[in-house]
Amino acid sequence: DHEFMQQPWTGFTVQISFVKGWGQCYTRQFISSCPCWLEVIFNNR
């Protein structure tokens, strides 16, 4: 996949939210609505 070669693939990313959850089971649908969260991007090279 040309796009994969040009940028980090989302499979190498983990999202972590403190205290508040998100998704279908919560009022927040996206992690960007969570108050405090982390994005961990792994080196895939």
All heavy atoms as atom14 arrays in JSON, in Angstrom:
{
  "sequence": "DHEFMQQPWTGFTVQISFVKGWGQCYTRQFISSCPCWLEVIFNNR",
  "atom14_mask": [
    [1, 1, 1, 1, 1, 1, 1, 1, 0, 0, 0, 0, 0, 0],
    [1, 1, 1, 1, 1, 1, 1, 1, 1, 1, 0, 0, 0, 0],
    [1, 1, 1, 1, 1, 1, 1, 1, 1, 0, 0, 0, 0, 0],
    [1, 1, 1, 1, 1, 1, 1, 1, 1, 1, 1, 0, 0, 0],
    [1, 1, 1, 1, 1, 1, 1, 1, 0, 0, 0, 0, 0, 0],
    [1, 1, 1, 1, 1, 1, 1, 1, 1, 0, 0, 0, 0, 0],
    [1, 1, 1, 1, 1, 1, 1, 1, 1, 0, 0, 0, 0, 0],
    [1, 1, 1, 1, 1, 1, 1, 0, 0, 0, 0, 0, 0, 0],
    [1, 1, 1, 1, 1, 1, 1, 1, 1, 1, 1, 1, 1, 1],
    [1, 1, 1, 1, 1, 1, 1, 0, 0, 0, 0, 0, 0, 0],
    [1, 1, 1, 1, 0, 0, 0, 0, 0, 0, 0, 0, 0, 0],
    [1, 1, 1, 1, 1, 1, 1, 1, 1, 1, 1, 0, 0, 0],
    [1, 1, 1, 1, 1, 1, 1, 0, 0, 0, 0, 0, 0, 0],
    [1, 1, 1, 1, 1, 1, 1, 0, 0, 0, 0, 0, 0, 0],
    [1, 1, 1, 1, 1, 1, 1, 1, 1, 0, 0, 0, 0, 0],
    [1, 1, 1, 1, 1, 1, 1, 1, 0, 0, 0, 0, 0, 0],
    [1, 1, 1, 1, 1, 1, 0, 0, 0, 0, 0, 0, 0, 0],
    [1, 1, 1, 1, 1, 1, 1, 1, 1, 1, 1, 0, 0, 0],
    [1, 1, 1, 1, 1, 1, 1, 0, 0, 0, 0, 0, 0, 0],
    [1, 1, 1, 1, 1, 1, 1, 1, 1, 0, 0, 0, 0, 0],
    [1, 1, 1, 1, 0, 0, 0, 0, 0, 0, 0, 0, 0, 0],
    [1, 1, 1, 1, 1, 1, 1, 1, 1, 1, 1, 1, 1, 1],
    [1, 1, 1, 1, 0, 0, 0, 0, 0, 0, 0, 0, 0, 0],
    [1, 1, 1, 1, 1, 1, 1, 1, 1, 0, 0, 0, 0, 0],
    [1, 1, 1, 1, 1, 1, 0, 0, 0, 0, 0, 0, 0, 0],
    [1, 1, 1, 1, 1, 1, 1, 1, 1, 1, 1, 1, 0, 0],
    [1, 1, 1, 1, 1, 1, 1, 0, 0, 0, 0, 0, 0, 0],
    [1, 1, 1, 1, 1, 1, 1, 1, 1, 1, 1, 0, 0, 0],
    [1, 1, 1, 1, 1, 1, 1, 1, 1, 0, 0, 0, 0, 0],
    [1, 1, 1, 1, 1, 1, 1, 1, 1, 1, 1, 0, 0, 0],
    [1, 1, 1, 1, 1, 1, 1, 1, 0, 0, 0, 0, 0, 0],
    [1, 1, 1, 1, 1, 1, 0, 0, 0, 0, 0, 0, 0, 0],
    [1, 1, 1, 1, 1, 1, 0, 0, 0, 0, 0, 0, 0, 0],
    [1, 1, 1, 1, 1, 1, 0, 0, 0, 0, 0, 0, 0, 0],
    [1, 1, 1, 1, 1, 1, 1, 0, 0, 0, 0, 0, 0, 0],
    [1, 1, 1, 1, 1, 1, 0, 0, 0, 0, 0, 0, 0, 0],
    [1, 1, 1, 1, 1, 1, 1, 1, 1, 1, 1, 1, 1, 1],
    [1, 1, 1, 1, 1, 1, 1, 1, 0, 0, 0, 0, 0, 0],
    [1, 1, 1, 1, 1, 1, 1, 1, 1, 0, 0, 0, 0, 0],
    [1, 1, 1, 1, 1, 1, 1, 0, 0, 0, 0, 0, 0, 0],
    [1, 1, 1, 1, 1, 1, 1, 1, 0, 0, 0, 0, 0, 0],
    [1, 1, 1, 1, 1, 1, 1, 1, 1, 1, 1, 0, 0, 0],
    [1, 1, 1, 1, 1, 1, 1, 1, 0, 0, 0, 0, 0, 0],
    [1, 1, 1, 1, 1, 1, 1, 1, 0, 0, 0, 0, 0, 0],
    [1, 1, 1, 1, 1, 1, 1, 1, 1, 1, 1, 0, 0, 0]
  ],
  "atom14_positions": [
    [[0.85, -1.19, 0.0], [0.0, 0.0, 0.0], [0.89, 1.24, 0.0], [1.64, 1.48, 0.93], [-0.9, -0.03, 1.24], [-1.94, 1.08, 1.22], [-1.66, 2.14, 0.64], [-3.02, 0.88, 1.8], [0.0, 0.0, 0.0], [0.0, 0.0, 0.0], [0.0, 0.0, 0.0], [0.0, 0.0, 0.0], [0.0, 0.0, 0.0], [0.0, 0.0, 0.0]],
    [[0.8, 2.04, -1.06], [1.66, 3.23, -1.2], [1.45, 4.19, -0.02], [2.4, 4.76, 0.52], [1.35, 3.95, -2.51], [2.16, 5.2, -2.69], [3.51, 5.18, -2.95], [1.8, 6.51, -2.63], [3.96, 6.42, -3.05], [2.95, 7.25, -2.87], [0.0, 0.0, 0.0], [0.0, 0.0, 0.0], [0.0, 0.0, 0.0], [0.0, 0.0, 0.0]],
    [[0.2, 4.33, 0.39], [-0.1, 5.24, 1.51], [0.6, 4.77, 2.78], [1.13, 5.56, 3.55], [-1.61, 5.3, 1.73], [-2.02, 6.31, 2.79], [-3.53, 6.35, 2.99], [-4.25, 5.81, 2.13], [-3.96, 6.91, 4.0], [0.0, 0.0, 0.0], [0.0, 0.0, 0.0], [0.0, 0.0, 0.0], [0.0, 0.0, 0.0], [0.0, 0.0, 0.0]],
    [[0.64, 3.44, 3.0], [1.31, 2.9, 4.18], [2.8, 3.24, 4.18], [3.37, 3.57, 5.2], [1.12, 1.38, 4.24], [2.03, 0.71, 5.23], [1.77, 0.8, 6.6], [3.15, 0.01, 4.82], [2.62, 0.21, 7.52], [3.99, -0.58, 5.74], [3.72, -0.48, 7.08], [0.0, 0.0, 0.0], [0.0, 0.0, 0.0], [0.0, 0.0, 0.0]],
    [[3.4, 3.2, 3.01], [4.83, 3.47, 2.92], [5.14, 4.94, 3.17], [6.25, 5.29, 3.54], [5.37, 3.07, 1.54], [5.16, 1.6, 1.19], [5.84, 0.48, 2.43], [7.59, 0.74, 2.17], [0.0, 0.0, 0.0], [0.0, 0.0, 0.0], [0.0, 0.0, 0.0], [0.0, 0.0, 0.0], [0.0, 0.0, 0.0], [0.0, 0.0, 0.0]],
    [[4.17, 5.81, 2.96], [4.41, 7.25, 3.08], [4.17, 7.79, 4.49], [4.64, 8.84, 4.84], [3.52, 8.02, 2.1], [3.82, 7.7, 0.64], [5.26, 7.97, 0.28], [5.81, 9.02, 0.61], [5.92, 7.02, -0.38], [0.0, 0.0, 0.0], [0.0, 0.0, 0.0], [0.0, 0.0, 0.0], [0.0, 0.0, 0.0], [0.0, 0.0, 0.0]],
    [[3.39, 7.08, 5.3], [3.08, 7.6, 6.62], [2.84, 6.46, 7.6], [2.61, 5.33, 7.19], [1.83, 8.48, 6.56], [0.59, 7.76, 6.07], [-0.57, 8.71, 5.91], [-0.44, 9.91, 6.07], [-1.73, 8.17, 5.59], [0.0, 0.0, 0.0], [0.0, 0.0, 0.0], [0.0, 0.0, 0.0], [0.0, 0.0, 0.0], [0.0, 0.0, 0.0]],
    [[2.92, 6.74, 8.92], [2.7, 5.69, 9.9], [1.31, 5.09, 9.74], [0.34, 5.82, 9.55], [2.84, 6.41, 11.24], [3.56, 7.66, 10.94], [3.19, 8.03, 9.53], [0.0, 0.0, 0.0], [0.0, 0.0, 0.0], [0.0, 0.0, 0.0], [0.0, 0.0, 0.0], [0.0, 0.0, 0.0], [0.0, 0.0, 0.0], [0.0, 0.0, 0.0]],
    [[1.23, 3.79, 9.8], [-0.06, 3.12, 9.7], [-0.77, 3.17, 11.04], [-0.15, 3.09, 12.09], [0.16, 1.66, 9.26], [-1.08, 0.87, 9.1], [-2.12, 1.14, 8.25], [-1.44, -0.3, 9.81], [-3.09, 0.19, 8.37], [-2.7, -0.71, 9.34], [-0.82, -1.06, 10.81], [-3.36, -1.83, 9.81], [-1.47, -2.18, 11.27], [-2.72, -2.56, 10.78]],
    [[-2.1, 3.32, 11.02], [-2.84, 3.5, 12.27], [-2.77, 2.26, 13.16], [-3.03, 2.34, 14.34], [-4.31, 3.85, 12.0], [-4.86, 2.85, 11.13], [-4.42, 5.2, 11.34], [0.0, 0.0, 0.0], [0.0, 0.0, 0.0], [0.0, 0.0, 0.0], [0.0, 0.0, 0.0], [0.0, 0.0, 0.0], [0.0, 0.0, 0.0], [0.0, 0.0, 0.0]],
    [[-2.42, 1.11, 12.58], [-2.27, -0.1, 13.38], [-1.1, -0.03, 14.34], [-0.98, -0.83, 15.25], [0.0, 0.0, 0.0], [0.0, 0.0, 0.0], [0.0, 0.0, 0.0], [0.0, 0.0, 0.0], [0.0, 0.0, 0.0], [0.0, 0.0, 0.0], [0.0, 0.0, 0.0], [0.0, 0.0, 0.0], [0.0, 0.0, 0.0], [0.0, 0.0, 0.0]],
    [[-0.21, 0.93, 14.13], [0.94, 1.11, 15.01], [0.69, 2.23, 16.02], [1.61, 2.8, 16.57], [2.2, 1.4, 14.19], [2.78, 0.17, 13.55], [2.29, -0.3, 12.34], [3.79, -0.55, 14.18], [2.81, -1.43, 11.75], [4.31, -1.69, 13.61], [3.82, -2.14, 12.38], [0.0, 0.0, 0.0], [0.0, 0.0, 0.0], [0.0, 0.0, 0.0]],
    [[-0.57, 2.55, 16.24], [-0.94, 3.58, 17.2], [-1.89, 3.02, 18.25], [-2.8, 2.27, 17.93], [-1.65, 4.75, 16.47], [-0.77, 5.29, 15.49], [-2.03, 5.85, 17.45], [0.0, 0.0, 0.0], [0.0, 0.0, 0.0], [0.0, 0.0, 0.0], [0.0, 0.0, 0.0], [0.0, 0.0, 0.0], [0.0, 0.0, 0.0], [0.0, 0.0, 0.0]],
    [[-1.64, 3.37, 19.51], [-2.52, 2.99, 20.62], [-3.02, 4.26, 21.27], [-2.26, 5.21, 21.47], [-1.77, 2.11, 21.64], [-2.6, 1.91, 22.9], [-1.42, 0.76, 21.03], [0.0, 0.0, 0.0], [0.0, 0.0, 0.0], [0.0, 0.0, 0.0], [0.0, 0.0, 0.0], [0.0, 0.0, 0.0], [0.0, 0.0, 0.0], [0.0, 0.0, 0.0]],
    [[-4.31, 4.31, 21.57], [-4.91, 5.47, 22.24], [-5.29, 5.07, 23.67], [-5.88, 4.0, 23.88], [-6.14, 5.94, 21.47], [-5.82, 6.42, 20.07], [-7.06, 6.71, 19.25], [-8.11, 6.13, 19.46], [-6.94, 7.62, 18.3], [0.0, 0.0, 0.0], [0.0, 0.0, 0.0], [0.0, 0.0, 0.0], [0.0, 0.0, 0.0], [0.0, 0.0, 0.0]],
    [[-4.95, 5.93, 24.62], [-5.22, 5.66, 26.04], [-5.86, 6.88, 26.67], [-5.29, 7.98, 26.62], [-3.91, 5.33, 26.79], [-3.18, 4.15, 26.13], [-4.19, 5.03, 28.26], [-1.77, 3.92, 26.65], [0.0, 0.0, 0.0], [0.0, 0.0, 0.0], [0.0, 0.0, 0.0], [0.0, 0.0, 0.0], [0.0, 0.0, 0.0], [0.0, 0.0, 0.0]],
    [[-7.02, 6.7, 27.27], [-7.7, 7.8, 27.96], [-7.68, 7.57, 29.46], [-7.89, 6.45, 29.93], [-9.15, 7.9, 27.46], [-9.85, 8.87, 28.21], [0.0, 0.0, 0.0], [0.0, 0.0, 0.0], [0.0, 0.0, 0.0], [0.0, 0.0, 0.0], [0.0, 0.0, 0.0], [0.0, 0.0, 0.0], [0.0, 0.0, 0.0], [0.0, 0.0, 0.0]],
    [[-7.43, 8.63, 30.21], [-7.46, 8.56, 31.67], [-8.88, 8.8, 32.17], [-9.54, 9.75, 31.75], [-6.53, 9.6, 32.29], [-5.07, 9.38, 32.0], [-4.42, 10.12, 31.03], [-4.34, 8.42, 32.7], [-3.07, 9.92, 30.75], [-2.99, 8.21, 32.43], [-2.36, 8.96, 31.46], [0.0, 0.0, 0.0], [0.0, 0.0, 0.0], [0.0, 0.0, 0.0]],
    [[-9.37, 7.94, 33.04], [-10.62, 8.1, 33.79], [-11.88, 7.97, 32.94], [-12.82, 7.27, 33.32], [-10.66, 9.45, 34.58], [-11.91, 9.53, 35.46], [-9.4, 9.64, 35.43], [0.0, 0.0, 0.0], [0.0, 0.0, 0.0], [0.0, 0.0, 0.0], [0.0, 0.0, 0.0], [0.0, 0.0, 0.0], [0.0, 0.0, 0.0], [0.0, 0.0, 0.0]],
    [[-11.95, 8.63, 31.8], [-13.16, 8.65, 30.97], [-13.03, 7.76, 29.74], [-12.02, 7.8, 29.04], [-13.48, 10.09, 30.52], [-13.71, 11.07, 31.67], [-14.96, 10.73, 32.45], [-15.23, 11.77, 33.54], [-16.41, 11.44, 34.35], [0.0, 0.0, 0.0], [0.0, 0.0, 0.0], [0.0, 0.0, 0.0], [0.0, 0.0, 0.0], [0.0, 0.0, 0.0]],
    [[-14.08, 6.98, 29.46], [-14.08, 6.12, 28.29], [-14.75, 6.8, 27.1], [-15.32, 7.89, 27.22], [0.0, 0.0, 0.0], [0.0, 0.0, 0.0], [0.0, 0.0, 0.0], [0.0, 0.0, 0.0], [0.0, 0.0, 0.0], [0.0, 0.0, 0.0], [0.0, 0.0, 0.0], [0.0, 0.0, 0.0], [0.0, 0.0, 0.0], [0.0, 0.0, 0.0]],
    [[-14.67, 6.14, 25.94], [-15.32, 6.68, 24.74], [-15.79, 5.52, 23.88], [-15.45, 4.37, 24.1], [-14.36, 7.6, 23.98], [-13.34, 6.89, 23.12], [-13.41, 6.66, 21.78], [-12.09, 6.33, 23.55], [-12.29, 5.99, 21.34], [-11.46, 5.78, 22.41], [-11.44, 6.24, 24.79], [-10.22, 5.14, 22.47], [-10.21, 5.6, 24.85], [-9.61, 5.07, 23.69]],
    [[-16.59, 5.84, 22.89], [-17.09, 4.81, 21.98], [-18.59, 4.59, 22.14], [-19.29, 5.4, 22.75], [0.0, 0.0, 0.0], [0.0, 0.0, 0.0], [0.0, 0.0, 0.0], [0.0, 0.0, 0.0], [0.0, 0.0, 0.0], [0.0, 0.0, 0.0], [0.0, 0.0, 0.0], [0.0, 0.0, 0.0], [0.0, 0.0, 0.0], [0.0, 0.0, 0.0]],
    [[-19.06, 3.48, 21.59], [-20.49, 3.21, 21.52], [-21.15, 3.11, 22.89], [-22.32, 3.42, 23.06], [-20.71, 1.9, 20.76], [-22.1, 1.74, 20.18], [-22.16, 0.55, 19.23], [-21.35, -0.36, 19.31], [-23.12, 0.57, 18.33], [0.0, 0.0, 0.0], [0.0, 0.0, 0.0], [0.0, 0.0, 0.0], [0.0, 0.0, 0.0], [0.0, 0.0, 0.0]],
    [[-20.37, 2.7, 23.89], [-20.93, 2.5, 25.23], [-20.95, 3.78, 26.06], [-21.4, 3.76, 27.21], [-20.13, 1.44, 25.97], [-19.69, 0.02, 24.98], [0.0, 0.0, 0.0], [0.0, 0.0, 0.0], [0.0, 0.0, 0.0], [0.0, 0.0, 0.0], [0.0, 0.0, 0.0], [0.0, 0.0, 0.0], [0.0, 0.0, 0.0], [0.0, 0.0, 0.0]],
    [[-20.43, 4.87, 25.53], [-20.28, 6.09, 26.31], [-20.88, 7.29, 25.58], [-21.15, 7.23, 24.39], [-18.79, 6.36, 26.59], [-18.13, 5.25, 27.37], [-17.53, 4.18, 26.7], [-18.12, 5.23, 28.76], [-16.94, 3.14, 27.39], [-17.52, 4.2, 29.47], [-16.94, 3.15, 28.78], [-16.37, 2.13, 29.48], [0.0, 0.0, 0.0], [0.0, 0.0, 0.0]],
    [[-21.05, 8.37, 26.32], [-21.59, 9.58, 25.69], [-20.57, 10.17, 24.72], [-20.94, 10.8, 23.74], [-21.96, 10.63, 26.76], [-20.81, 10.88, 27.59], [-23.11, 10.14, 27.62], [0.0, 0.0, 0.0], [0.0, 0.0, 0.0], [0.0, 0.0, 0.0], [0.0, 0.0, 0.0], [0.0, 0.0, 0.0], [0.0, 0.0, 0.0], [0.0, 0.0, 0.0]],
    [[-19.28, 9.97, 25.0], [-18.24, 10.45, 24.09], [-18.02, 9.41, 23.0], [-17.64, 8.29, 23.28], [-16.93, 10.69, 24.86], [-17.02, 11.76, 25.91], [-15.81, 11.77, 26.83], [-15.98, 12.77, 27.86], [-16.65, 12.56, 28.98], [-17.22, 11.39, 29.21], [-16.77, 13.51, 29.88], [0.0, 0.0, 0.0], [0.0, 0.0, 0.0], [0.0, 0.0, 0.0]],
    [[-18.21, 9.8, 21.75], [-18.04, 8.85, 20.65], [-16.59, 8.75, 20.19], [-16.16, 7.71, 19.71], [-18.93, 9.26, 19.47], [-20.41, 9.06, 19.74], [-20.74, 7.6, 20.06], [-20.56, 6.72, 19.22], [-21.19, 7.34, 21.27], [0.0, 0.0, 0.0], [0.0, 0.0, 0.0], [0.0, 0.0, 0.0], [0.0, 0.0, 0.0], [0.0, 0.0, 0.0]],
    [[-15.83, 9.83, 20.34], [-14.45, 9.86, 19.86], [-13.51, 10.22, 21.0], [-13.88, 10.96, 21.92], [-14.3, 10.88, 18.73], [-15.2, 10.62, 17.56], [-16.34, 11.38, 17.37], [-14.92, 9.59, 16.68], [-17.19, 11.14, 16.3], [-15.76, 9.34, 15.6], [-16.9, 10.11, 15.41], [0.0, 0.0, 0.0], [0.0, 0.0, 0.0], [0.0, 0.0, 0.0]],
    [[-12.29, 9.72, 20.92], [-11.33, 9.99, 22.0], [-11.01, 11.47, 22.1], [-10.65, 11.97, 23.17], [-10.04, 9.16, 21.82], [-9.22, 9.19, 23.12], [-9.24, 9.64, 20.6], [-8.09, 8.21, 23.18], [0.0, 0.0, 0.0], [0.0, 0.0, 0.0], [0.0, 0.0, 0.0], [0.0, 0.0, 0.0], [0.0, 0.0, 0.0], [0.0, 0.0, 0.0]],
    [[-11.19, 12.22, 21.02], [-10.91, 13.66, 21.06], [-11.91, 14.42, 21.93], [-11.74, 15.6, 22.18], [-10.9, 14.25, 19.65], [-12.12, 13.97, 18.99], [0.0, 0.0, 0.0], [0.0, 0.0, 0.0], [0.0, 0.0, 0.0], [0.0, 0.0, 0.0], [0.0, 0.0, 0.0], [0.0, 0.0, 0.0], [0.0, 0.0, 0.0], [0.0, 0.0, 0.0]],
    [[-12.94, 13.72, 22.4], [-13.87, 14.33, 23.36], [-13.48, 14.01, 24.8], [-14.09, 14.53, 25.73], [-15.3, 13.82, 23.11], [-15.72, 14.15, 21.81], [0.0, 0.0, 0.0], [0.0, 0.0, 0.0], [0.0, 0.0, 0.0], [0.0, 0.0, 0.0], [0.0, 0.0, 0.0], [0.0, 0.0, 0.0], [0.0, 0.0, 0.0], [0.0, 0.0, 0.0]],
    [[-12.48, 13.15, 24.97], [-12.03, 12.79, 26.33], [-11.15, 13.91, 26.9], [-10.38, 14.53, 26.16], [-11.26, 11.47, 26.3], [-12.29, 10.05, 25.9], [0.0, 0.0, 0.0], [0.0, 0.0, 0.0], [0.0, 0.0, 0.0], [0.0, 0.0, 0.0], [0.0, 0.0, 0.0], [0.0, 0.0, 0.0], [0.0, 0.0, 0.0], [0.0, 0.0, 0.0]],
    [[-11.25, 14.15, 28.2], [-10.51, 15.27, 28.81], [-8.99, 15.13, 28.72], [-8.31, 16.08, 28.37], [-10.97, 15.24, 30.27], [-12.25, 14.46, 30.27], [-12.15, 13.49, 29.16], [0.0, 0.0, 0.0], [0.0, 0.0, 0.0], [0.0, 0.0, 0.0], [0.0, 0.0, 0.0], [0.0, 0.0, 0.0], [0.0, 0.0, 0.0], [0.0, 0.0, 0.0]],
    [[-8.46, 13.95, 29.06], [-7.01, 13.75, 29.08], [-6.67, 12.39, 28.48], [-7.12, 11.37, 28.99], [-6.48, 13.8, 30.53], [-6.86, 15.34, 31.41], [0.0, 0.0, 0.0], [0.0, 0.0, 0.0], [0.0, 0.0, 0.0], [0.0, 0.0, 0.0], [0.0, 0.0, 0.0], [0.0, 0.0, 0.0], [0.0, 0.0, 0.0], [0.0, 0.0, 0.0]],
    [[-5.89, 12.4, 27.42], [-5.58, 11.13, 26.78], [-4.21, 11.14, 26.11], [-3.61, 12.2, 25.93], [-6.67, 10.75, 25.78], [-6.98, 11.74, 24.7], [-7.73, 12.9, 24.82], [-6.58, 11.68, 23.33], [-7.81, 13.54, 23.6], [-7.12, 12.82, 22.67], [-5.83, 10.76, 22.58], [-6.92, 13.06, 21.31], [-5.63, 11.01, 21.23], [-6.18, 12.14, 20.62]],
    [[-3.75, 9.95, 25.77], [-2.43, 9.77, 25.16], [-2.56, 9.08, 23.81], [-3.43, 8.24, 23.61], [-1.54, 8.9, 26.06], [-1.28, 9.36, 27.47], [-0.61, 8.24, 28.27], [-0.4, 10.61, 27.48], [0.0, 0.0, 0.0], [0.0, 0.0, 0.0], [0.0, 0.0, 0.0], [0.0, 0.0, 0.0], [0.0, 0.0, 0.0], [0.0, 0.0, 0.0]],
    [[-1.67, 9.43, 22.93], [-1.52, 8.75, 21.65], [-0.09, 8.19, 21.64], [0.86, 8.94, 21.75], [-1.73, 9.75, 20.52], [-1.72, 9.15, 19.14], [-2.01, 10.22, 18.08], [-1.68, 11.4, 18.29], [-2.56, 9.84, 17.04], [0.0, 0.0, 0.0], [0.0, 0.0, 0.0], [0.0, 0.0, 0.0], [0.0, 0.0, 0.0], [0.0, 0.0, 0.0]],
    [[0.03, 6.87, 21.56], [1.34, 6.21, 21.56], [1.57, 5.67, 20.14], [0.8, 4.83, 19.67], [1.42, 5.07, 22.59], [2.83, 4.49, 22.63], [1.0, 5.56, 23.96], [0.0, 0.0, 0.0], [0.0, 0.0, 0.0], [0.0, 0.0, 0.0], [0.0, 0.0, 0.0], [0.0, 0.0, 0.0], [0.0, 0.0, 0.0], [0.0, 0.0, 0.0]],
    [[2.6, 6.16, 19.48], [2.87, 5.79, 18.08], [4.18, 5.0, 18.04], [5.24, 5.52, 18.42], [2.97, 7.05, 17.19], [1.71, 7.91, 17.37], [3.14, 6.66, 15.73], [1.87, 9.34, 16.94], [0.0, 0.0, 0.0], [0.0, 0.0, 0.0], [0.0, 0.0, 0.0], [0.0, 0.0, 0.0], [0.0, 0.0, 0.0], [0.0, 0.0, 0.0]],
    [[4.07, 3.75, 17.58], [5.23, 2.86, 17.6], [6.06, 2.96, 16.34], [5.53, 3.18, 15.25], [4.76, 1.41, 17.83], [4.04, 1.23, 19.12], [2.65, 1.2, 19.16], [4.74, 1.13, 20.31], [1.98, 1.06, 20.36], [4.07, 1.0, 21.52], [2.69, 0.97, 21.55], [0.0, 0.0, 0.0], [0.0, 0.0, 0.0], [0.0, 0.0, 0.0]],
    [[7.36, 2.8, 16.5], [8.29, 2.83, 15.39], [8.12, 1.55, 14.59], [8.41, 0.46, 15.1], [9.72, 2.96, 15.92], [10.73, 3.22, 14.82], [10.44, 3.02, 13.64], [11.91, 3.66, 15.2], [0.0, 0.0, 0.0], [0.0, 0.0, 0.0], [0.0, 0.0, 0.0], [0.0, 0.0, 0.0], [0.0, 0.0, 0.0], [0.0, 0.0, 0.0]],
    [[7.66, 1.64, 13.36], [7.41, 0.44, 12.57], [8.49, 0.18, 11.53], [8.29, -0.61, 10.62], [6.04, 0.54, 11.87], [5.92, 1.74, 10.95], [6.77, 2.62, 11.0], [4.9, 1.79, 10.14], [0.0, 0.0, 0.0], [0.0, 0.0, 0.0], [0.0, 0.0, 0.0], [0.0, 0.0, 0.0], [0.0, 0.0, 0.0], [0.0, 0.0, 0.0]],
    [[9.62, 0.84, 11.67], [10.71, 0.65, 10.7], [11.66, -0.43, 11.18], [11.95, -0.51, 12.34], [11.47, 1.97, 10.48], [10.61, 3.12, 10.06], [9.87, 2.81, 8.77], [9.17, 3.99, 8.27], [8.16, 3.92, 7.43], [7.7, 2.76, 7.01], [7.57, 5.02, 6.99], [0.0, 0.0, 0.0], [0.0, 0.0, 0.0], [0.0, 0.0, 0.0]]
  ]
}
